[in-house]
Amino acid sequence: QVQLVESGGGLVQPGGSLRLSCVVSGSILRINDMGWYRQAPGKQRELVATMPTGGRTKYADSVKGRFTISRDIAKNTVYLQANSLEPEDTAIYYCTANVRSGMPWNYKERDYWGQGTQVTVSS
C-alpha cells in the first residue's frame, strides 16, 4: 500500500507565499516522476509542475517564475514553493507520484495521488 499525504495549504494574501509538502509512504521500491496538479472550482485539474527522475522540471506557463518544485529523495518528499501568489492560484493542490511498489521479484508501477490540500489566495 502506498500513500501520499500533502500539507502546507491555507489562506494567504495576494503576493504571499506558501510551501506545500507531500510525503510518500508505504511499500516503496522506487519513486519515479513526482508532481503537483491543481483544480479550481468549476475547472478541470491542471498541471502545475512535474519533476521527472533525472529529467527536466516542467511548469505551467501561469506559474513559471513564481513556483518552484523540488524533492528530497531520502525523505520521499516533494515540495512546491509558491511565491507571489495571486487569487487565480486558488485551488485544491494535489500531489502525484509514479511509484514502484511491492517486492523486488513481484512489483507494480502506477500513479498515486494525494487527497489534496486547499490553497486560498484572498485579501
Protein backbone atom coordinates (compact mmCIF):
# COMPACT_ATOMS: atom_id res chain seq x y z
CA GLN A 1 0.00 0.00 0.00
CA VAL A 2 1.29 3.44 -0.96
CA GLN A 3 0.04 6.71 0.46
CA LEU A 4 0.65 10.34 -0.43
CA VAL A 5 -0.09 12.98 2.18
CA GLU A 6 0.03 16.69 1.37
CA SER A 7 0.38 19.55 3.84
CA GLY A 8 1.09 23.26 3.85
CA GLY A 9 -2.04 24.69 2.29
CA GLY A 10 -4.01 27.54 3.77
CA LEU A 11 -5.26 31.08 3.38
CA VAL A 12 -2.75 33.68 2.18
CA GLN A 13 -2.99 37.25 0.95
CA PRO A 14 -2.14 38.16 -2.65
CA GLY A 15 1.60 38.46 -3.02
CA GLY A 16 2.21 35.98 -0.22
CA SER A 17 3.94 32.61 -0.21
CA LEU A 18 3.23 29.04 0.78
CA ARG A 19 5.30 25.87 0.80
CA LEU A 20 3.44 22.66 0.07
CA SER A 21 4.86 19.28 1.03
CA CYS A 22 3.94 15.76 0.01
CA VAL A 23 5.30 12.66 1.70
CA VAL A 24 5.12 9.26 0.02
CA SER A 25 4.99 6.24 2.34
CA GLY A 26 4.35 2.54 2.13
CA SER A 27 5.91 -0.41 0.38
CA ILE A 28 8.14 1.65 -1.92
CA LEU A 29 10.86 0.22 -4.10
CA ARG A 30 11.37 3.35 -6.16
CA ILE A 31 9.70 6.68 -6.83
CA ASN A 32 9.87 7.83 -10.43
CA ASP A 33 8.19 11.05 -11.55
CA MET A 34 6.64 13.36 -8.97
CA GLY A 35 4.49 16.40 -9.50
CA TRP A 36 1.77 18.80 -8.48
CA TYR A 37 -1.61 19.45 -10.08
CA ARG A 38 -4.42 21.76 -9.04
CA GLN A 39 -8.14 22.04 -9.53
CA ALA A 40 -10.06 25.27 -9.12
CA PRO A 41 -13.84 25.30 -8.61
CA GLY A 42 -15.64 24.60 -11.86
CA LYS A 43 -12.42 23.87 -13.74
CA GLN A 44 -10.54 20.78 -14.80
CA ARG A 45 -7.49 19.55 -12.95
CA GLU A 46 -4.37 21.06 -14.47
CA LEU A 47 -0.64 20.51 -14.30
CA VAL A 48 1.30 22.88 -12.06
CA ALA A 49 4.77 21.35 -12.08
CA THR A 50 6.46 17.99 -12.57
CA MET A 51 9.90 16.67 -11.70
CA PRO A 52 10.85 13.50 -13.59
CA THR A 53 13.63 11.36 -12.17
CA GLY A 54 16.78 12.57 -13.85
CA GLY A 55 14.86 14.83 -16.17
CA ARG A 56 13.95 18.46 -16.57
CA THR A 57 11.30 20.04 -14.43
CA LYS A 58 8.22 21.34 -16.23
CA TYR A 59 5.95 24.19 -15.17
CA ALA A 60 2.62 25.53 -16.29
CA ASP A 61 3.08 28.88 -18.03
CA SER A 62 0.88 30.52 -15.42
CA VAL A 63 3.29 29.68 -12.56
CA LYS A 64 6.70 30.00 -14.24
CA GLY A 65 9.00 32.26 -12.29
CA ARG A 66 6.76 32.12 -9.21
CA PHE A 67 6.59 28.43 -8.24
CA THR A 68 9.46 26.02 -7.69
CA ILE A 69 9.21 22.23 -7.41
CA SER A 70 11.87 20.26 -5.55
CA ARG A 71 12.24 16.84 -4.00
CA ASP A 72 14.14 15.20 -1.16
CA ILE A 73 14.82 11.66 -2.35
CA ALA A 74 15.94 10.46 1.08
CA LYS A 75 12.67 11.63 2.63
CA ASN A 76 10.40 10.51 -0.24
CA THR A 77 9.08 14.04 -0.28
CA VAL A 78 8.24 16.56 -2.98
CA TYR A 79 7.78 20.26 -2.31
CA LEU A 80 6.14 23.16 -4.10
CA GLN A 81 7.34 26.62 -3.14
CA ALA A 82 4.66 29.06 -4.29
CA ASN A 83 5.60 32.75 -4.26
CA SER A 84 3.84 35.91 -5.44
CA LEU A 85 0.51 34.15 -5.09
CA GLU A 86 -2.48 35.50 -6.97
CA PRO A 87 -6.22 34.96 -6.45
CA GLU A 88 -6.15 32.87 -9.63
CA ASP A 89 -3.92 30.37 -7.83
CA THR A 90 -6.79 29.46 -5.51
CA ALA A 91 -7.43 25.73 -5.90
CA ILE A 92 -7.04 22.34 -4.33
CA TYR A 93 -3.45 21.22 -4.92
CA TYR A 94 -2.79 17.54 -5.47
CA CYS A 95 0.49 15.68 -5.29
CA THR A 96 1.14 12.76 -7.61
CA ALA A 97 3.92 10.20 -7.84
CA ASN A 98 4.70 7.25 -10.06
CA VAL A 99 5.77 4.54 -7.63
CA ARG A 100 7.23 1.07 -7.98
CA SER A 101 5.90 -0.93 -5.03
CA GLY A 102 5.76 -4.48 -3.75
CA MET A 103 8.66 -6.90 -3.69
CA PRO A 104 11.71 -6.78 -5.97
CA TRP A 105 10.62 -10.02 -7.69
CA ASN A 106 6.95 -9.09 -7.81
CA TYR A 107 6.28 -5.39 -8.18
CA LYS A 108 3.99 -2.97 -9.93
CA GLU A 109 4.36 0.62 -11.09
CA ARG A 110 1.46 3.03 -11.10
CA ASP A 111 0.49 6.63 -10.42
CA TYR A 112 -0.74 7.55 -6.97
CA TRP A 113 -2.50 10.74 -5.83
CA GLY A 114 -2.79 12.52 -2.54
CA GLN A 115 -6.04 13.74 -1.03
CA GLY A 116 -5.33 17.37 -1.85
CA THR A 117 -4.64 20.50 0.16
CA GLN A 118 -6.63 23.72 -0.20
CA VAL A 119 -4.83 26.92 -1.16
CA THR A 120 -6.88 30.11 -0.97
CA VAL A 121 -5.44 33.45 -2.05
CA SER A 122 -7.60 36.32 -0.88
CA SER A 123 -7.39 39.65 0.87
